[in-house]
């Protein structure tokens, strides 16, 4: 792999990580902590939505982000012909 491809690969890799961390921060900090009181007025599966996001939603989001990262990195590895 030449230097330009290596830089492009890492640029795309870090962009993916940055974007997934932004989603994780929004869900875990904004929805679960900062906006918990206003979101508690919404009932979701029989419990206040702010509480549900803090207890279950952020965990489910984190697991989904792990799968998204794995799938996207597999595509990126194939694009740049990276083999383990």
N, C-alpha and C. Protein backbone atom coordinates (compact mmCIF):
# COMPACT_ATOMS: atom_id res chain seq x y z
N UNK A 1 0.85 -1.17 0.00
CA UNK A 1 0.00 0.00 0.00
C UNK A 1 0.90 1.24 0.00
N UNK A 2 0.64 2.14 -0.92
CA UNK A 2 1.46 3.34 -0.98
C UNK A 2 1.00 4.37 0.07
N UNK A 3 1.77 5.42 0.20
CA UNK A 3 1.53 6.42 1.25
C UNK A 3 0.19 7.13 1.09
N UNK A 4 -0.21 7.44 -0.14
CA UNK A 4 -1.49 8.13 -0.36
C UNK A 4 -2.67 7.25 0.04
N UNK A 5 -2.62 5.98 -0.32
CA UNK A 5 -3.68 5.06 0.08
C UNK A 5 -3.72 4.88 1.59
N UNK A 6 -2.56 4.81 2.21
CA UNK A 6 -2.51 4.66 3.67
C UNK A 6 -3.14 5.87 4.36
N UNK A 7 -2.82 7.06 3.88
CA UNK A 7 -3.40 8.27 4.47
C UNK A 7 -4.91 8.34 4.25
N UNK A 8 -5.35 7.96 3.05
CA UNK A 8 -6.79 7.96 2.77
C UNK A 8 -7.52 6.95 3.65
N UNK A 9 -6.91 5.79 3.81
CA UNK A 9 -7.49 4.75 4.66
C UNK A 9 -7.65 5.25 6.09
N UNK A 10 -6.61 5.84 6.65
CA UNK A 10 -6.68 6.30 8.03
C UNK A 10 -7.58 7.51 8.18
N UNK A 11 -7.66 8.34 7.16
CA UNK A 11 -8.57 9.48 7.19
C UNK A 11 -10.01 8.99 7.25
N UNK A 12 -10.35 8.00 6.42
CA UNK A 12 -11.70 7.45 6.45
C UNK A 12 -11.97 6.70 7.74
N UNK A 13 -10.96 5.99 8.24
CA UNK A 13 -11.10 5.26 9.50
C UNK A 13 -11.37 6.22 10.66
N UNK A 14 -10.59 7.26 10.77
CA UNK A 14 -10.79 8.22 11.87
C UNK A 14 -12.09 9.00 11.71
N UNK A 15 -12.52 9.27 10.48
CA UNK A 15 -13.80 9.94 10.26
C UNK A 15 -14.95 9.05 10.74
N UNK A 16 -14.86 7.76 10.45
CA UNK A 16 -15.88 6.82 10.91
C UNK A 16 -15.92 6.78 12.44
N UNK A 17 -14.76 6.68 13.05
CA UNK A 17 -14.70 6.65 14.52
C UNK A 17 -15.26 7.93 15.10
N UNK A 18 -14.89 9.08 14.54
CA UNK A 18 -15.38 10.37 15.02
C UNK A 18 -16.90 10.43 14.94
N UNK A 19 -17.45 10.03 13.80
CA UNK A 19 -18.90 10.11 13.62
C UNK A 19 -19.65 9.18 14.57
N UNK A 20 -19.12 7.99 14.79
CA UNK A 20 -19.76 7.06 15.71
C UNK A 20 -19.65 7.56 17.15
N UNK A 21 -18.54 8.18 17.50
CA UNK A 21 -18.40 8.74 18.84
C UNK A 21 -19.35 9.92 19.06
N UNK A 22 -19.61 10.69 18.02
CA UNK A 22 -20.57 11.79 18.12
C UNK A 22 -21.96 11.23 18.40
N UNK A 23 -22.35 10.20 17.67
CA UNK A 23 -23.66 9.57 17.90
C UNK A 23 -23.73 9.03 19.33
N UNK A 24 -22.68 8.35 19.75
CA UNK A 24 -22.65 7.79 21.10
C UNK A 24 -22.76 8.90 22.16
N UNK A 25 -22.05 10.01 21.96
CA UNK A 25 -22.09 11.11 22.92
C UNK A 25 -23.48 11.75 22.96
N UNK A 26 -24.09 11.92 21.81
CA UNK A 26 -25.43 12.52 21.77
C UNK A 26 -26.42 11.63 22.52
N UNK A 27 -26.36 10.34 22.25
CA UNK A 27 -27.31 9.43 22.91
C UNK A 27 -27.02 9.33 24.40
N UNK A 28 -25.77 9.12 24.76
CA UNK A 28 -25.47 8.87 26.18
C UNK A 28 -25.48 10.14 27.02
N UNK A 29 -24.99 11.24 26.49
CA UNK A 29 -24.94 12.47 27.29
C UNK A 29 -26.19 13.33 27.12
N UNK A 30 -26.53 13.61 25.89
CA UNK A 30 -27.63 14.53 25.64
C UNK A 30 -28.97 13.91 26.00
N UNK A 31 -29.28 12.76 25.43
CA UNK A 31 -30.59 12.15 25.66
C UNK A 31 -30.72 11.51 27.03
N UNK A 32 -29.65 10.93 27.54
CA UNK A 32 -29.75 10.18 28.79
C UNK A 32 -29.52 11.04 30.03
N UNK A 33 -28.82 12.15 29.90
CA UNK A 33 -28.50 12.95 31.09
C UNK A 33 -29.08 14.36 30.98
N UNK A 34 -28.69 15.10 29.96
CA UNK A 34 -29.06 16.51 29.87
C UNK A 34 -30.55 16.70 29.62
N UNK A 35 -31.11 15.93 28.71
CA UNK A 35 -32.53 16.07 28.37
C UNK A 35 -33.41 15.02 29.05
N UNK A 36 -32.94 14.41 30.10
CA UNK A 36 -33.70 13.33 30.75
C UNK A 36 -35.03 13.84 31.30
N UNK A 37 -35.04 14.98 31.98
CA UNK A 37 -36.29 15.48 32.57
C UNK A 37 -37.35 15.78 31.52
N UNK A 38 -37.00 16.54 30.46
CA UNK A 38 -38.05 16.78 29.45
C UNK A 38 -38.50 15.50 28.75
N UNK A 39 -37.58 14.57 28.54
CA UNK A 39 -37.94 13.32 27.86
C UNK A 39 -38.77 12.39 28.74
N UNK A 40 -38.73 12.60 30.06
CA UNK A 40 -39.51 11.75 30.96
C UNK A 40 -41.00 11.97 30.81
N UNK A 41 -41.42 13.04 30.15
CA UNK A 41 -42.85 13.25 29.91
C UNK A 41 -43.38 12.30 28.84
N UNK A 42 -42.48 11.66 28.08
CA UNK A 42 -42.87 10.68 27.07
C UNK A 42 -42.76 9.29 27.69
N UNK A 43 -43.82 8.52 27.57
CA UNK A 43 -43.81 7.15 28.11
C UNK A 43 -43.45 6.20 26.97
N UNK A 44 -42.46 5.35 27.21
CA UNK A 44 -41.95 4.41 26.22
C UNK A 44 -41.85 3.04 26.87
N UNK A 45 -42.59 2.06 26.36
CA UNK A 45 -42.66 0.72 26.94
C UNK A 45 -43.05 0.77 28.42
N UNK A 46 -43.90 1.70 28.76
CA UNK A 46 -44.41 1.79 30.12
C UNK A 46 -43.53 2.53 31.11
N UNK A 47 -42.40 3.05 30.67
CA UNK A 47 -41.51 3.81 31.56
C UNK A 47 -41.19 5.16 30.92
N UNK A 48 -40.78 6.14 31.72
CA UNK A 48 -40.41 7.44 31.15
C UNK A 48 -39.24 7.28 30.17
N UNK A 49 -39.32 7.98 29.04
CA UNK A 49 -38.34 7.81 27.98
C UNK A 49 -36.92 8.20 28.41
N UNK A 50 -36.77 9.26 29.20
CA UNK A 50 -35.44 9.65 29.68
C UNK A 50 -34.80 8.56 30.51
N UNK A 51 -35.59 7.94 31.37
CA UNK A 51 -35.09 6.83 32.18
C UNK A 51 -34.73 5.64 31.29
N UNK A 52 -35.61 5.33 30.32
CA UNK A 52 -35.35 4.20 29.43
C UNK A 52 -34.07 4.42 28.63
N UNK A 53 -33.86 5.65 28.14
CA UNK A 53 -32.64 5.93 27.38
C UNK A 53 -31.41 5.75 28.24
N UNK A 54 -31.47 6.17 29.49
CA UNK A 54 -30.32 6.04 30.37
C UNK A 54 -30.05 4.58 30.73
N UNK A 55 -31.10 3.78 30.87
CA UNK A 55 -30.92 2.40 31.31
C UNK A 55 -30.74 1.41 30.17
N UNK A 56 -31.49 1.58 29.09
CA UNK A 56 -31.48 0.59 28.02
C UNK A 56 -31.06 1.18 26.67
N UNK A 57 -31.57 2.33 26.35
CA UNK A 57 -31.35 2.92 25.03
C UNK A 57 -29.89 3.19 24.72
N UNK A 58 -29.16 3.71 25.69
CA UNK A 58 -27.75 4.00 25.44
C UNK A 58 -26.94 2.71 25.27
N UNK A 59 -27.30 1.67 25.98
CA UNK A 59 -26.60 0.39 25.84
C UNK A 59 -26.90 -0.24 24.48
N UNK A 60 -28.17 -0.22 24.10
CA UNK A 60 -28.56 -0.76 22.79
C UNK A 60 -27.88 0.02 21.68
N UNK A 61 -27.85 1.33 21.80
CA UNK A 61 -27.18 2.18 20.80
C UNK A 61 -25.71 1.83 20.71
N UNK A 62 -25.05 1.63 21.84
CA UNK A 62 -23.63 1.29 21.85
C UNK A 62 -23.37 -0.03 21.13
N UNK A 63 -24.20 -1.03 21.38
CA UNK A 63 -24.03 -2.33 20.72
C UNK A 63 -24.27 -2.19 19.21
N UNK A 64 -25.28 -1.43 18.82
CA UNK A 64 -25.54 -1.19 17.40
C UNK A 64 -24.35 -0.49 16.75
N UNK A 65 -23.77 0.48 17.44
CA UNK A 65 -22.61 1.20 16.90
C UNK A 65 -21.41 0.26 16.71
N UNK A 66 -21.25 -0.72 17.58
CA UNK A 66 -20.18 -1.70 17.42
C UNK A 66 -20.37 -2.48 16.12
N UNK A 67 -21.59 -2.92 15.86
CA UNK A 67 -21.87 -3.65 14.62
C UNK A 67 -21.68 -2.76 13.40
N UNK A 68 -22.13 -1.52 13.48
CA UNK A 68 -21.95 -0.59 12.37
C UNK A 68 -20.46 -0.39 12.10
N UNK A 69 -19.67 -0.22 13.16
CA UNK A 69 -18.23 -0.04 12.99
C UNK A 69 -17.60 -1.26 12.31
N UNK A 70 -17.98 -2.45 12.76
CA UNK A 70 -17.40 -3.68 12.18
C UNK A 70 -17.76 -3.81 10.71
N UNK A 71 -19.00 -3.53 10.37
CA UNK A 71 -19.43 -3.65 8.97
C UNK A 71 -18.75 -2.60 8.11
N UNK A 72 -18.69 -1.36 8.59
CA UNK A 72 -18.07 -0.29 7.80
C UNK A 72 -16.57 -0.50 7.66
N UNK A 73 -15.91 -0.99 8.68
CA UNK A 73 -14.48 -1.25 8.58
C UNK A 73 -14.20 -2.40 7.62
N UNK A 74 -15.08 -3.39 7.59
CA UNK A 74 -14.92 -4.48 6.63
C UNK A 74 -15.00 -3.94 5.21
N UNK A 75 -15.96 -3.05 4.96
CA UNK A 75 -16.08 -2.43 3.64
C UNK A 75 -14.84 -1.59 3.32
N UNK A 76 -14.36 -0.85 4.31
CA UNK A 76 -13.18 -0.01 4.11
C UNK A 76 -11.94 -0.87 3.84
N UNK A 77 -11.79 -1.96 4.56
CA UNK A 77 -10.67 -2.87 4.32
C UNK A 77 -10.71 -3.46 2.92
N UNK A 78 -11.91 -3.83 2.47
CA UNK A 78 -12.03 -4.35 1.10
C UNK A 78 -11.73 -3.27 0.07
N UNK A 79 -12.16 -2.04 0.35
CA UNK A 79 -11.92 -0.94 -0.60
C UNK A 79 -10.42 -0.70 -0.79
N UNK A 80 -9.66 -0.77 0.29
CA UNK A 80 -8.21 -0.53 0.22
C UNK A 80 -7.40 -1.81 0.17
N UNK A 81 -8.10 -2.94 0.01
CA UNK A 81 -7.44 -4.24 -0.13
C UNK A 81 -6.51 -4.55 1.06
N UNK A 82 -7.06 -4.35 2.25
CA UNK A 82 -6.33 -4.64 3.49
C UNK A 82 -6.70 -6.06 3.92
N UNK A 83 -5.70 -6.87 4.17
CA UNK A 83 -5.94 -8.24 4.63
C UNK A 83 -5.23 -8.44 5.96
N UNK A 84 -5.85 -9.24 6.80
CA UNK A 84 -5.24 -9.52 8.10
C UNK A 84 -4.06 -10.43 7.97
